[in-house]
N, C-alpha and C. Protein backbone atom coordinates (compact mmCIF):
# COMPACT_ATOMS: atom_id res chain seq x y z
N MET A 1 -13.34 -14.35 -11.41
CA MET A 1 -12.19 -14.63 -11.48
C MET A 1 -11.58 -15.94 -10.75
N SER A 2 -11.07 -16.78 -11.20
CA SER A 2 -10.71 -18.39 -10.99
C SER A 2 -8.98 -18.43 -11.32
N ALA A 3 -8.70 -17.56 -11.79
CA ALA A 3 -7.61 -18.34 -12.26
C ALA A 3 -6.17 -17.62 -11.31
N VAL A 4 -5.71 -18.64 -11.70
CA VAL A 4 -3.97 -18.08 -10.28
C VAL A 4 -3.58 -16.66 -10.77
N ALA A 5 -3.00 -16.00 -10.11
CA ALA A 5 -2.61 -14.70 -10.15
C ALA A 5 -1.42 -13.87 -9.17
N PHE A 6 -0.46 -13.99 -9.63
CA PHE A 6 0.88 -13.78 -9.15
C PHE A 6 0.70 -12.38 -9.03
N VAL A 7 1.04 -11.74 -7.68
CA VAL A 7 1.02 -10.11 -7.25
C VAL A 7 2.52 -9.68 -7.49
N ASP A 8 2.91 -8.81 -8.53
CA ASP A 8 4.23 -8.06 -8.31
C ASP A 8 4.61 -7.06 -7.00
N SER A 9 5.73 -6.96 -6.56
CA SER A 9 5.36 -5.68 -6.02
C SER A 9 4.90 -4.69 -6.06
N ASN A 10 4.91 -3.73 -7.14
CA ASN A 10 4.74 -2.74 -7.74
C ASN A 10 2.88 -2.64 -7.10
N ILE A 11 2.19 -3.81 -7.38
CA ILE A 11 0.37 -3.82 -7.44
C ILE A 11 0.41 -3.82 -5.58
N LEU A 12 1.36 -4.34 -4.68
CA LEU A 12 1.30 -4.73 -3.43
C LEU A 12 1.32 -2.65 -2.88
N ILE A 13 2.73 -2.57 -3.19
CA ILE A 13 3.16 -1.43 -2.80
C ILE A 13 1.77 -0.10 -3.09
N TYR A 14 1.00 -0.05 -4.68
CA TYR A 14 0.53 1.33 -4.57
C TYR A 14 -0.86 0.60 -3.79
N ALA A 15 -1.37 -0.61 -3.36
CA ALA A 15 -2.07 -0.78 -2.15
C ALA A 15 -2.14 -0.51 -1.28
N HIS A 16 -1.05 0.33 -0.81
CA HIS A 16 -0.54 0.76 0.70
C HIS A 16 -0.09 2.14 0.35
N ASP A 17 0.05 2.68 -0.96
CA ASP A 17 0.63 4.20 -1.29
C ASP A 17 -0.17 4.89 -0.82
N ARG A 18 -0.72 6.10 0.38
CA ARG A 18 -2.04 6.61 0.42
C ARG A 18 -1.34 8.11 -1.16
N ASP A 19 -0.95 8.21 -1.40
CA ASP A 19 -0.53 9.47 -2.21
C ASP A 19 -0.55 8.69 -3.78
N ALA A 20 -0.85 6.99 -3.81
CA ALA A 20 -1.20 6.88 -5.44
C ALA A 20 -2.61 7.03 -5.72
N GLY A 21 -3.49 7.57 -5.56
CA GLY A 21 -5.09 8.08 -6.07
C GLY A 21 -5.71 6.65 -6.63
N VAL A 22 -6.03 6.98 -7.98
CA VAL A 22 -6.56 5.74 -8.83
C VAL A 22 -5.95 4.73 -9.00
N LYS A 23 -4.43 4.66 -9.01
CA LYS A 23 -3.89 3.28 -9.15
C LYS A 23 -3.90 2.47 -7.10
N ARG A 24 -3.93 3.31 -6.79
CA ARG A 24 -4.21 2.72 -5.18
C ARG A 24 -5.73 1.64 -5.06
N GLU A 25 -6.48 2.67 -5.38
CA GLU A 25 -7.71 1.80 -5.80
C GLU A 25 -8.10 0.72 -6.57
N ARG A 26 -7.27 0.76 -7.94
CA ARG A 26 -7.42 -0.01 -8.35
C ARG A 26 -6.55 -1.58 -8.06
N ALA A 27 -5.49 -0.87 -7.29
CA ALA A 27 -4.81 -1.89 -6.61
C ALA A 27 -5.26 -2.77 -5.60
N MET A 28 -5.80 -1.88 -4.90
CA MET A 28 -6.71 -1.86 -3.91
C MET A 28 -8.01 -2.94 -4.01
N ALA A 29 -9.02 -2.69 -5.17
CA ALA A 29 -9.94 -3.48 -5.62
C ALA A 29 -9.21 -5.00 -6.46
N LYS A 30 -7.89 -4.69 -6.75
CA LYS A 30 -7.90 -6.41 -7.10
C LYS A 30 -7.38 -7.23 -6.09
N LEU A 31 -6.28 -6.62 -5.16
CA LEU A 31 -6.28 -7.42 -4.14
C LEU A 31 -7.28 -8.27 -3.53
N ARG A 32 -8.06 -7.77 -3.34
CA ARG A 32 -9.47 -7.66 -3.09
C ARG A 32 -10.56 -9.18 -3.62
N GLU A 33 -10.55 -8.81 -4.94
CA GLU A 33 -10.95 -9.93 -5.52
C GLU A 33 -9.85 -10.82 -5.50
N LEU A 34 -9.07 -11.19 -5.66
CA LEU A 34 -8.33 -11.88 -5.45
C LEU A 34 -8.11 -12.90 -3.81
N TRP A 35 -8.58 -11.97 -3.04
CA TRP A 35 -8.87 -12.39 -1.04
C TRP A 35 -10.10 -13.42 -1.52
N GLU A 36 -11.22 -12.98 -2.11
CA GLU A 36 -12.47 -13.22 -2.16
C GLU A 36 -12.20 -14.63 -2.76
N CYS A 37 -11.41 -14.46 -3.76
CA CYS A 37 -11.61 -15.67 -4.87
C CYS A 37 -10.50 -17.21 -4.32
N ARG A 38 -9.55 -16.26 -3.05
CA ARG A 38 -8.70 -17.38 -3.02
C ARG A 38 -7.54 -17.84 -4.23
N THR A 39 -6.66 -16.82 -5.24
CA THR A 39 -5.90 -17.03 -6.09
C THR A 39 -4.75 -16.22 -6.28
N GLY A 40 -4.82 -15.35 -4.94
CA GLY A 40 -3.39 -14.82 -4.80
C GLY A 40 -2.32 -15.65 -4.51
N ARG A 41 -1.20 -15.04 -5.41
CA ARG A 41 0.19 -15.79 -4.67
C ARG A 41 1.02 -14.81 -5.29
N LEU A 42 2.51 -14.59 -4.51
CA LEU A 42 3.34 -13.71 -4.66
C LEU A 42 4.68 -14.56 -3.73
N SER A 43 5.97 -13.92 -3.99
CA SER A 43 6.80 -15.02 -3.17
C SER A 43 7.33 -13.85 -2.23
N VAL A 44 8.57 -14.80 -1.22
CA VAL A 44 9.19 -13.77 -0.22
C VAL A 44 9.69 -12.38 -1.23
N GLN A 45 10.35 -12.55 -2.88
CA GLN A 45 11.08 -10.98 -3.12
C GLN A 45 9.82 -10.10 -3.67
N VAL A 46 9.07 -10.49 -3.57
CA VAL A 46 7.79 -9.79 -3.43
C VAL A 46 7.36 -8.71 -2.06
N LEU A 47 7.38 -9.80 -1.53
CA LEU A 47 7.41 -9.25 0.28
C LEU A 47 8.69 -8.52 0.70
N GLU A 48 9.66 -8.40 0.38
CA GLU A 48 10.95 -8.16 0.26
C GLU A 48 11.19 -6.57 -0.20
N GLU A 49 10.51 -6.73 -1.19
CA GLU A 49 10.07 -5.69 -1.84
C GLU A 49 9.82 -4.56 -1.51
N PHE A 50 8.36 -4.75 -1.01
CA PHE A 50 7.24 -3.99 -0.83
C PHE A 50 7.96 -3.28 1.18
N TYR A 51 8.37 -4.13 1.24
CA TYR A 51 8.86 -3.53 2.60
C TYR A 51 9.53 -2.47 2.75
N VAL A 52 10.49 -2.64 2.01
CA VAL A 52 11.74 -1.47 1.74
C VAL A 52 11.49 -0.05 0.48
N ASN A 53 10.13 -0.63 -0.18
CA ASN A 53 9.50 0.38 -0.86
C ASN A 53 8.89 1.16 0.42
N ALA A 54 7.52 0.12 0.28
CA ALA A 54 6.48 1.20 1.52
C ALA A 54 7.04 1.66 2.67
N THR A 55 8.45 1.09 3.53
CA THR A 55 9.13 2.05 4.35
C THR A 55 10.04 2.84 4.63
N GLN A 56 10.80 3.07 3.07
CA GLN A 56 12.08 4.15 2.32
C GLN A 56 11.50 4.87 1.78
N ARG A 57 10.26 4.31 0.49
CA ARG A 57 10.46 5.08 -0.37
C ARG A 57 9.44 5.81 -1.29
N LEU A 58 8.24 5.73 -0.40
CA LEU A 58 7.14 6.24 -0.84
C LEU A 58 7.49 7.79 -0.38
N ALA A 59 6.32 8.68 -0.73
CA ALA A 59 6.95 10.10 -0.02
C ALA A 59 5.82 10.32 1.09
N THR A 60 4.83 9.50 1.52
CA THR A 60 4.16 8.95 2.61
C THR A 60 4.41 7.56 3.18
N PRO A 61 5.98 7.29 3.69
CA PRO A 61 6.25 6.16 4.04
C PRO A 61 5.26 5.59 5.14
N ILE A 62 5.12 4.03 4.78
CA ILE A 62 4.35 3.63 5.92
C ILE A 62 5.46 3.18 7.07
N ALA A 63 4.36 3.01 8.01
CA ALA A 63 5.23 2.57 9.33
C ALA A 63 5.44 1.07 9.00
N ARG A 64 6.96 1.47 9.63
CA ARG A 64 7.55 0.04 9.86
C ARG A 64 6.74 -1.94 10.41
N SER A 65 6.08 -1.60 11.40
CA SER A 65 5.05 -2.17 12.11
C SER A 65 3.68 -2.58 10.90
N THR A 66 3.29 -1.24 10.08
CA THR A 66 2.23 -1.75 9.75
C THR A 66 2.75 -2.37 8.41
N ALA A 67 4.05 -2.19 7.85
CA ALA A 67 4.58 -2.95 6.86
C ALA A 67 4.55 -4.19 6.95
N ARG A 68 4.82 -4.40 8.80
CA ARG A 68 5.36 -6.08 9.09
C ARG A 68 3.99 -6.85 9.20
N GLU A 69 2.90 -6.08 9.44
CA GLU A 69 1.38 -6.83 9.04
C GLU A 69 1.30 -7.09 8.09
N VAL A 70 1.23 -6.05 7.40
CA VAL A 70 1.19 -6.85 5.96
C VAL A 70 2.17 -7.61 5.15
N ILE A 71 2.83 -7.91 5.98
CA ILE A 71 3.98 -9.11 5.25
C ILE A 71 3.21 -10.37 5.64
N GLN A 72 3.11 -10.15 7.08
CA GLN A 72 2.35 -12.03 7.61
C GLN A 72 1.17 -11.42 6.98
N THR A 73 0.13 -10.97 6.79
CA THR A 73 -1.06 -10.49 5.86
C THR A 73 -0.83 -11.36 4.92
N TYR A 74 -0.16 -10.79 3.67
CA TYR A 74 0.06 -11.53 2.66
C TYR A 74 0.80 -12.83 2.70
N GLY A 75 1.78 -13.00 3.30
CA GLY A 75 2.58 -14.42 3.84
C GLY A 75 2.09 -15.55 3.46
N VAL A 76 0.63 -15.62 3.51
CA VAL A 76 -0.30 -16.79 3.33
C VAL A 76 0.01 -16.90 1.48
N TRP A 77 0.29 -16.07 1.02
CA TRP A 77 0.16 -16.48 -0.55
C TRP A 77 1.11 -16.92 -0.86
N VAL A 78 2.18 -17.20 -0.42
CA VAL A 78 3.81 -17.55 -0.85
C VAL A 78 3.38 -19.13 -0.31
N ARG A 79 3.39 -19.72 -1.58
CA ARG A 79 3.01 -21.05 -1.93
C ARG A 79 4.50 -21.72 -1.79
N HIS A 80 5.41 -21.22 -2.60
CA HIS A 80 6.80 -22.53 -2.57
C HIS A 80 7.94 -21.11 -2.63
N ALA A 81 9.39 -22.02 -1.70
CA ALA A 81 10.07 -21.53 -1.67
C ALA A 81 11.10 -20.92 -3.06
N THR A 82 11.70 -20.40 -2.68
CA THR A 82 12.79 -19.50 -4.15
C THR A 82 14.11 -20.50 -3.78
N THR A 83 13.66 -21.62 -4.56
CA THR A 83 15.55 -22.73 -5.27
C THR A 83 15.76 -22.37 -5.77
N VAL A 84 16.73 -23.03 -5.96
CA VAL A 84 17.95 -22.90 -6.37
C VAL A 84 17.48 -23.11 -8.60
N GLU A 85 16.63 -23.76 -8.39
CA GLU A 85 15.68 -23.87 -10.01
C GLU A 85 15.32 -23.01 -9.79
N THR A 86 14.59 -22.10 -8.82
CA THR A 86 14.03 -20.95 -9.71
C THR A 86 14.93 -20.29 -9.93
N VAL A 87 16.08 -20.29 -9.26
CA VAL A 87 16.93 -19.18 -9.69
C VAL A 87 17.70 -18.84 -11.49
N THR A 88 17.82 -20.56 -11.60
CA THR A 88 18.24 -21.05 -12.77
C THR A 88 17.43 -20.60 -13.82
N ARG A 89 15.71 -21.23 -13.26
CA ARG A 89 14.71 -21.02 -14.27
C ARG A 89 15.23 -19.40 -14.57
N ALA A 90 14.89 -18.10 -13.43
CA ALA A 90 15.12 -16.78 -13.59
C ALA A 90 15.94 -16.81 -14.92
N THR A 91 17.38 -17.15 -14.93
CA THR A 91 18.38 -16.96 -15.68
C THR A 91 17.81 -17.03 -16.90
N GLU A 92 16.93 -17.99 -17.22
CA GLU A 92 16.66 -18.57 -18.53
C GLU A 92 15.50 -17.83 -19.30
N LEU A 93 15.01 -17.15 -18.23
CA LEU A 93 13.62 -16.32 -18.89
C LEU A 93 14.21 -15.02 -18.55
N ALA A 94 15.38 -14.23 -18.26
CA ALA A 94 15.42 -13.18 -18.66
C ALA A 94 16.23 -13.22 -19.82
N ASP A 95 17.14 -13.95 -20.67
CA ASP A 95 17.63 -13.94 -21.39
C ASP A 95 16.31 -14.66 -22.66
N LEU A 96 15.71 -15.50 -22.83
CA LEU A 96 13.80 -15.44 -23.68
C LEU A 96 13.65 -14.72 -23.67
N ALA A 97 13.35 -13.60 -22.18
CA ALA A 97 12.34 -12.34 -22.39
C ALA A 97 12.98 -10.88 -22.86
N ARG A 98 14.43 -11.18 -22.47
CA ARG A 98 14.95 -10.31 -22.87
C ARG A 98 14.56 -9.04 -21.35
N ILE A 99 14.26 -9.92 -20.42
CA ILE A 99 14.36 -8.71 -19.54
C ILE A 99 15.16 -8.96 -18.20
N SER A 100 15.14 -7.99 -16.98
CA SER A 100 15.74 -7.98 -15.85
C SER A 100 16.15 -9.01 -15.24
N PHE A 101 16.95 -10.04 -14.68
CA PHE A 101 17.21 -10.89 -13.88
C PHE A 101 16.07 -10.82 -12.80
N TRP A 102 16.12 -9.47 -12.06
CA TRP A 102 15.22 -9.41 -10.81
C TRP A 102 13.08 -9.91 -11.47
N HIS A 103 12.90 -9.16 -12.28
CA HIS A 103 11.82 -9.13 -13.38
C HIS A 103 11.65 -10.92 -13.48
N ALA A 104 12.83 -11.29 -14.26
CA ALA A 104 12.93 -12.89 -14.58
C ALA A 104 12.48 -12.98 -13.23
N LEU A 105 13.16 -13.17 -12.25
CA LEU A 105 12.72 -14.14 -11.13
C LEU A 105 11.20 -13.77 -10.50
N ILE A 106 10.90 -12.98 -11.04
CA ILE A 106 9.29 -12.42 -10.77
C ILE A 106 8.27 -13.96 -11.39
N VAL A 107 8.71 -13.89 -12.48
CA VAL A 107 8.23 -14.57 -13.95
C VAL A 107 8.33 -15.98 -13.61
N ALA A 108 10.09 -16.36 -13.16
CA ALA A 108 9.95 -17.79 -12.68
C ALA A 108 9.21 -18.46 -11.43
N SER A 109 8.85 -17.36 -10.54
CA SER A 109 8.24 -17.65 -8.95
C SER A 109 6.62 -17.68 -9.20
N ALA A 110 6.54 -17.13 -10.21
CA ALA A 110 5.10 -16.81 -10.91
C ALA A 110 4.31 -18.29 -11.49
N GLU A 111 5.37 -18.75 -12.50
CA GLU A 111 5.47 -19.92 -13.26
C GLU A 111 5.63 -21.10 -12.08
N GLN A 112 5.81 -21.32 -11.17
CA GLN A 112 6.43 -22.09 -10.15
C GLN A 112 5.07 -22.13 -9.49
N SER A 113 4.15 -21.32 -8.95
CA SER A 113 3.20 -21.14 -8.90
C SER A 113 2.04 -21.49 -8.92
N ALA A 114 1.88 -21.82 -10.33
CA ALA A 114 1.08 -22.26 -11.40
C ALA A 114 0.40 -21.21 -11.62
N ALA A 115 0.60 -19.49 -11.63
CA ALA A 115 -0.16 -18.42 -11.60
C ALA A 115 -0.24 -18.86 -13.81
N GLU A 116 -1.38 -18.03 -13.62
CA GLU A 116 -2.00 -17.92 -15.35
C GLU A 116 -1.37 -16.20 -15.56
N GLU A 117 -1.39 -15.72 -14.47
CA GLU A 117 -1.41 -13.91 -14.90
C GLU A 117 -0.24 -13.43 -14.10
N LEU A 118 0.45 -12.65 -14.23
CA LEU A 118 1.34 -12.10 -13.35
C LEU A 118 0.50 -10.13 -13.59
N LEU A 119 -0.21 -10.51 -12.19
CA LEU A 119 0.03 -8.60 -12.22
C LEU A 119 1.04 -7.54 -11.58
N SER A 120 1.61 -6.80 -13.03
CA SER A 120 2.79 -6.06 -12.51
C SER A 120 2.29 -5.02 -13.66
N GLU A 121 2.61 -3.45 -13.20
CA GLU A 121 2.79 -2.61 -14.12
C GLU A 121 4.58 -2.37 -14.78
N ASP A 122 5.21 -3.18 -14.08
CA ASP A 122 6.48 -2.93 -14.70
C ASP A 122 6.80 -3.20 -16.13
N LEU A 123 6.14 -4.71 -16.20
CA LEU A 123 6.52 -5.64 -17.36
C LEU A 123 4.72 -4.68 -18.72
N SER A 124 4.77 -5.35 -19.68
CA SER A 124 4.39 -4.82 -20.75
C SER A 124 3.45 -5.76 -20.70
N ASP A 125 2.09 -5.01 -20.45
CA ASP A 125 0.63 -5.31 -20.42
C ASP A 125 -0.33 -6.41 -21.77
N GLY A 126 -0.25 -7.25 -21.20
CA GLY A 126 -0.49 -8.16 -22.38
C GLY A 126 0.63 -8.96 -22.98
N GLN A 127 2.19 -8.77 -22.41
CA GLN A 127 3.16 -9.65 -23.25
C GLN A 127 3.04 -11.45 -22.19
N ALA A 128 3.07 -12.04 -23.24
CA ALA A 128 3.62 -13.80 -22.69
C ALA A 128 5.02 -13.78 -22.40
N ILE A 129 5.06 -14.26 -21.04
CA ILE A 129 6.84 -15.04 -20.81
C ILE A 129 6.20 -16.36 -20.11
N ALA A 130 6.92 -16.77 -21.28
CA ALA A 130 6.92 -18.92 -20.97
C ALA A 130 5.36 -18.89 -20.88
N SER A 131 4.52 -19.36 -19.95
CA SER A 131 3.26 -19.37 -19.57
C SER A 131 1.87 -18.33 -18.93
N ILE A 132 3.13 -17.52 -18.92
CA ILE A 132 2.51 -16.66 -18.09
C ILE A 132 2.22 -15.28 -18.94
N LYS A 133 1.01 -14.77 -18.59
CA LYS A 133 0.25 -13.57 -19.22
C LYS A 133 0.45 -12.15 -17.90
N VAL A 134 1.42 -11.47 -18.97
CA VAL A 134 0.96 -10.33 -17.78
C VAL A 134 0.04 -9.11 -18.68
N VAL A 135 -0.60 -8.33 -16.89
CA VAL A 135 -1.91 -8.07 -16.39
C VAL A 135 -1.27 -6.81 -16.12
N ASN A 136 -1.49 -5.99 -16.43
CA ASN A 136 -1.47 -4.55 -15.60
C ASN A 136 -2.60 -4.14 -15.19
N PRO A 137 -3.11 -4.31 -13.84
CA PRO A 137 -4.42 -4.20 -13.30
C PRO A 137 -4.90 -2.89 -12.84
N LEU A 138 -3.75 -1.21 -13.03
CA LEU A 138 -3.52 -0.17 -12.27
C LEU A 138 -4.15 0.69 -13.89
N GLN A 139 -4.16 -0.03 -15.05
CA GLN A 139 -4.64 0.28 -16.54
C GLN A 139 -6.22 0.19 -15.97
N PRO A 140 -7.43 0.90 -16.74
CA PRO A 140 -8.65 1.47 -16.82
C PRO A 140 -9.03 -0.49 -18.38
N GLY A 141 -10.08 -0.69 -17.97
CA GLY A 141 -10.68 -2.03 -17.88
C GLY A 141 -10.52 -3.58 -18.16
N HIS A 142 -9.15 -2.94 -16.78
CA HIS A 142 -8.98 -4.71 -16.84
C HIS A 142 -9.78 -5.31 -15.47
N GLY A 143 -11.23 -5.03 -15.50
CA GLY A 143 -12.27 -5.56 -14.07
C GLY A 143 -11.84 -4.49 -13.21
N VAL A 144 -11.70 -3.75 -13.02
CA VAL A 144 -11.90 -2.80 -11.67
C VAL A 144 -13.10 -2.13 -12.50
N ASN A 145 -14.50 -1.93 -11.16
CA ASN A 145 -15.55 -0.86 -11.89
C ASN A 145 -14.93 0.65 -11.49
N ASP A 146 -14.02 1.18 -12.36
CA ASP A 146 -13.61 2.43 -12.34
C ASP A 146 -14.14 3.40 -12.72
N GLY A 147 -15.54 3.42 -13.15
CA GLY A 147 -15.77 4.52 -13.81
C GLY A 147 -15.70 4.87 -15.24
N GLU A 148 -14.79 3.62 -16.03
CA GLU A 148 -14.29 3.93 -17.05
C GLU A 148 -14.86 2.54 -17.91
N ASN A 149 -15.20 1.95 -17.41
CA ASN A 149 -15.18 0.20 -17.67
C ASN A 149 -16.83 -0.10 -17.62
N ARG A 150 -17.78 0.71 -16.64
CA ARG A 150 -19.18 0.61 -16.28
C ARG A 150 -19.80 0.41 -17.55
N ARG A 151 -20.60 -0.85 -17.67
CA ARG A 151 -21.54 -0.91 -18.56
C ARG A 151 -22.59 0.00 -18.16
């Protein structure tokens, strides 16, 4: 994989959710692939959403200190600050794609990061928004060797 991929918070959360089963395995495998290829990107918004959800909303929350370590680790994937232009673009994308502002902000950040793909469970797999293709890596057949797509 050589395409730059922007990671939505739900993928990062699943990778650290001990109760997520196969979704955890698939999310972890995808993140590992992005590390190896050095093509992962995300935004501060993703890290904020990760922290709140991972420490407060999971059935088995992770420790705050662990969440801080994850934020520090994945912080290197943040390549661009969210600017007024990013927010303005998100408002345009929300109208264009008829998605929530918060999802549009993720798409705008992905666009700003020159990502070709947005890895997310929240948007429709295969959907194209602006120049970004939405991919749900938690579904079978998205490159993770999960037994359902072995050759």
